[in-house]
């Protein structure tokens, strides 16, 4: 499994992911180091079910003062739990979005082939902030601009992302850029 590494401008750090794609399923593990808002490490694993619908995200962050862990589960029926606690604010979401992690933009883009075909889709995401691992609802819109180019919008934020043929982020202006080729 080849690695993908991004320089993450937003955290003044780096992330490496080891993804596996096949049969409409994505599995990946990754590690990141960031320096903003404070120095921290992130370790994560993400697993999807059919059609790239998030099944589980496990994340651990470590800073000078503490270690935090999150086990985010989707039941396949639109309901989520975080460390066993129900999360009704994100009911109906199909995907997680790990903050500052370009990999988690892959699932909705692949499911709707937005990196290859025209379309616009709005999603509710179970957004996980880093490094505190709080889970919040996030409305996001992905719009196909041309092959390999997708506009991401959430609230007042907008960025035109570049994806490779497999659906992985190559360039995410204001957030990250890929350092290694697949």
Protein backbone atom coordinates (compact mmCIF):
# COMPACT_ATOMS: atom_id res chain seq x y z
CA UNK A 1 0.00 0.00 0.00
CA UNK A 2 1.74 3.20 -1.19
CA UNK A 3 1.75 6.17 1.16
CA UNK A 4 0.47 9.66 0.43
CA UNK A 5 2.07 12.57 2.26
CA UNK A 6 0.75 16.12 2.45
CA UNK A 7 2.23 19.30 3.83
CA UNK A 8 -0.60 20.72 5.94
CA UNK A 9 -0.35 24.52 5.96
CA UNK A 10 -3.25 24.99 8.37
CA UNK A 11 -1.45 23.11 11.17
CA UNK A 12 2.11 23.95 10.05
CA UNK A 13 2.64 20.19 9.86
CA UNK A 14 2.55 17.04 7.77
CA UNK A 15 0.27 14.04 7.29
CA UNK A 16 0.95 10.62 5.81
CA UNK A 17 -1.84 8.18 4.95
CA UNK A 18 -1.71 4.55 3.82
CA UNK A 19 -4.99 4.08 1.92
CA UNK A 20 -6.45 0.93 0.35
CA UNK A 21 -9.22 1.28 -2.25
CA UNK A 22 -11.24 -1.52 -3.79
CA UNK A 23 -14.78 -2.66 -4.44
CA UNK A 24 -16.38 0.61 -3.33
CA UNK A 25 -14.58 0.51 0.03
CA UNK A 26 -11.80 2.67 1.47
CA UNK A 27 -9.63 1.69 4.40
CA UNK A 28 -6.81 3.88 5.58
CA UNK A 29 -4.53 4.58 8.46
CA UNK A 30 -2.63 7.79 8.91
CA UNK A 31 -0.43 9.90 11.11
CA UNK A 32 0.00 13.63 11.32
CA UNK A 33 2.07 16.10 13.25
CA UNK A 34 0.96 19.68 13.69
CA UNK A 35 2.28 22.75 15.45
CA UNK A 36 -0.80 25.00 15.48
CA UNK A 37 -2.57 25.76 17.73
CA UNK A 38 -0.04 23.74 19.77
CA UNK A 39 2.36 20.88 18.97
CA UNK A 40 0.42 17.61 18.64
CA UNK A 41 0.40 14.15 17.03
CA UNK A 42 -2.62 12.51 15.40
CA UNK A 43 -3.05 8.82 14.61
CA UNK A 44 -6.18 7.63 12.80
CA UNK A 45 -7.86 4.72 11.06
CA UNK A 46 -10.90 5.10 8.83
CA UNK A 47 -13.04 2.28 7.41
CA UNK A 48 -15.93 2.61 5.01
CA UNK A 49 -18.74 0.29 4.00
CA UNK A 50 -20.11 -0.04 0.46
CA UNK A 51 -20.10 3.10 -1.68
CA UNK A 52 -17.51 4.73 0.59
CA UNK A 53 -19.97 5.43 3.44
CA UNK A 54 -17.97 5.90 6.64
CA UNK A 55 -18.35 3.00 9.03
CA UNK A 56 -15.75 3.94 11.66
CA UNK A 57 -13.12 6.54 12.47
CA UNK A 58 -10.69 5.94 15.30
CA UNK A 59 -8.49 8.90 16.22
CA UNK A 60 -5.94 9.59 18.93
CA UNK A 61 -4.31 12.96 19.52
CA UNK A 62 -1.39 13.56 21.81
CA UNK A 63 -0.09 16.90 23.06
CA UNK A 64 2.23 17.91 25.88
CA UNK A 65 -0.66 17.95 28.33
CA UNK A 66 -2.92 15.07 27.36
CA UNK A 67 -3.90 12.16 25.15
CA UNK A 68 -7.40 12.13 23.66
CA UNK A 69 -9.15 9.26 21.88
CA UNK A 70 -12.28 9.12 19.74
CA UNK A 71 -14.09 6.07 18.41
CA UNK A 72 -16.67 7.43 15.97
CA UNK A 73 -19.12 4.79 14.71
CA UNK A 74 -21.82 4.99 12.03
CA UNK A 75 -24.51 2.31 12.28
CA UNK A 76 -25.24 2.20 8.54
CA UNK A 77 -28.70 3.65 9.18
CA UNK A 78 -27.61 7.27 9.63
CA UNK A 79 -26.96 7.30 13.38
CA UNK A 80 -23.58 7.99 15.00
CA UNK A 81 -21.93 7.43 18.35
CA UNK A 82 -18.72 8.87 19.78
CA UNK A 83 -17.09 6.67 22.40
CA UNK A 84 -20.48 5.00 22.88
CA UNK A 85 -22.46 8.25 23.29
CA UNK A 86 -25.23 9.05 20.80
CA UNK A 87 -24.65 12.05 18.47
CA UNK A 88 -28.13 13.15 17.30
CA UNK A 89 -26.74 16.40 15.80
CA UNK A 90 -25.05 14.42 13.02
CA UNK A 91 -27.86 11.91 12.38
CA UNK A 92 -28.20 11.38 8.64
CA UNK A 93 -24.55 12.07 7.84
CA UNK A 94 -22.86 9.42 5.71
CA UNK A 95 -19.32 10.62 6.20
CA UNK A 96 -16.87 11.83 8.77
CA UNK A 97 -14.54 14.74 8.07
CA UNK A 98 -11.41 14.74 10.20
CA UNK A 99 -10.23 18.32 10.58
CA UNK A 100 -7.04 19.22 8.67
CA UNK A 101 -7.07 15.78 6.97
CA UNK A 102 -7.19 15.85 3.15
CA UNK A 103 -7.90 12.11 3.01
CA UNK A 104 -11.45 12.45 4.38
CA UNK A 105 -12.49 14.54 1.35
CA UNK A 106 -12.13 11.35 -0.70
CA UNK A 107 -15.28 9.47 0.39
CA UNK A 108 -18.04 11.83 -0.87
CA UNK A 109 -16.07 12.64 -4.04
CA UNK A 110 -15.64 8.95 -4.91
CA UNK A 111 -19.22 7.99 -4.03
CA UNK A 112 -20.59 10.55 -6.52
CA UNK A 113 -17.61 10.53 -8.95
CA UNK A 114 -17.39 14.31 -8.57
CA UNK A 115 -13.69 14.28 -9.54
CA UNK A 116 -14.70 12.85 -12.95
CA UNK A 117 -18.31 13.77 -13.78
CA UNK A 118 -20.52 16.87 -13.56
CA UNK A 119 -22.62 17.34 -10.47
CA UNK A 120 -23.08 19.18 -7.21
CA UNK A 121 -23.91 17.55 -3.89
CA UNK A 122 -24.59 18.88 -0.42
CA UNK A 123 -23.62 16.74 2.54
CA UNK A 124 -24.01 16.72 6.28
CA UNK A 125 -20.71 15.58 7.78
CA UNK A 126 -19.70 14.39 11.22
CA UNK A 127 -16.82 16.89 11.44
CA UNK A 128 -14.07 16.12 13.97
CA UNK A 129 -11.94 19.06 15.11
CA UNK A 130 -8.25 18.56 15.77
CA UNK A 131 -6.63 18.34 18.26
CA UNK A 132 -9.61 18.38 20.70
CA UNK A 133 -11.63 15.67 18.80
CA UNK A 134 -15.00 17.38 19.31
CA UNK A 135 -17.63 16.12 16.83
CA UNK A 136 -19.91 18.71 15.23
CA UNK A 137 -22.33 18.78 12.30
CA UNK A 138 -20.91 20.43 9.18
CA UNK A 139 -22.86 21.22 6.00
CA UNK A 140 -20.57 20.93 2.99
CA UNK A 141 -21.08 21.25 -0.76
CA UNK A 142 -18.90 19.61 -3.39
CA UNK A 143 -19.21 20.87 -6.99
CA UNK A 144 -17.51 19.31 -10.03
CA UNK A 145 -15.72 22.08 -11.96
CA UNK A 146 -13.84 19.92 -14.48
CA UNK A 147 -12.10 16.53 -14.36
CA UNK A 148 -9.83 16.51 -11.32
CA UNK A 149 -11.16 19.83 -9.95
CA UNK A 150 -13.90 20.06 -7.29
CA UNK A 151 -15.09 23.14 -5.40
CA UNK A 152 -15.52 22.59 -1.66
CA UNK A 153 -17.80 25.00 0.22
CA UNK A 154 -18.74 25.07 3.90
CA UNK A 155 -20.30 28.21 5.36
CA UNK A 156 -18.22 31.17 4.16
CA UNK A 157 -15.22 28.95 3.34
CA UNK A 158 -14.57 27.98 -0.29
CA UNK A 159 -11.64 26.21 -1.96
CA UNK A 160 -11.11 24.55 -5.35
CA UNK A 161 -9.51 21.16 -4.68
CA UNK A 162 -7.44 19.14 -7.14
CA UNK A 163 -7.93 15.35 -7.09
CA UNK A 164 -5.99 12.59 -8.83
CA UNK A 165 -7.74 9.90 -10.91
CA UNK A 166 -8.16 7.67 -7.87
CA UNK A 167 -9.98 10.39 -5.90
CA UNK A 168 -7.22 11.52 -3.51
CA UNK A 169 -6.50 15.20 -2.85
CA UNK A 170 -3.45 16.56 -4.67
CA UNK A 171 -3.91 20.21 -3.75
CA UNK A 172 -6.26 21.82 -1.23
CA UNK A 173 -5.49 25.56 -1.31
CA UNK A 174 -5.35 27.09 2.17
CA UNK A 175 -5.12 23.63 3.80
CA UNK A 176 -2.61 21.20 2.25
CA UNK A 177 -0.66 20.05 -0.79
CA UNK A 178 0.55 16.57 -1.62
CA UNK A 179 4.30 15.95 -1.48
CA UNK A 180 4.41 12.40 -2.85
CA UNK A 181 2.99 10.78 -5.95
CA UNK A 182 0.85 7.63 -5.91
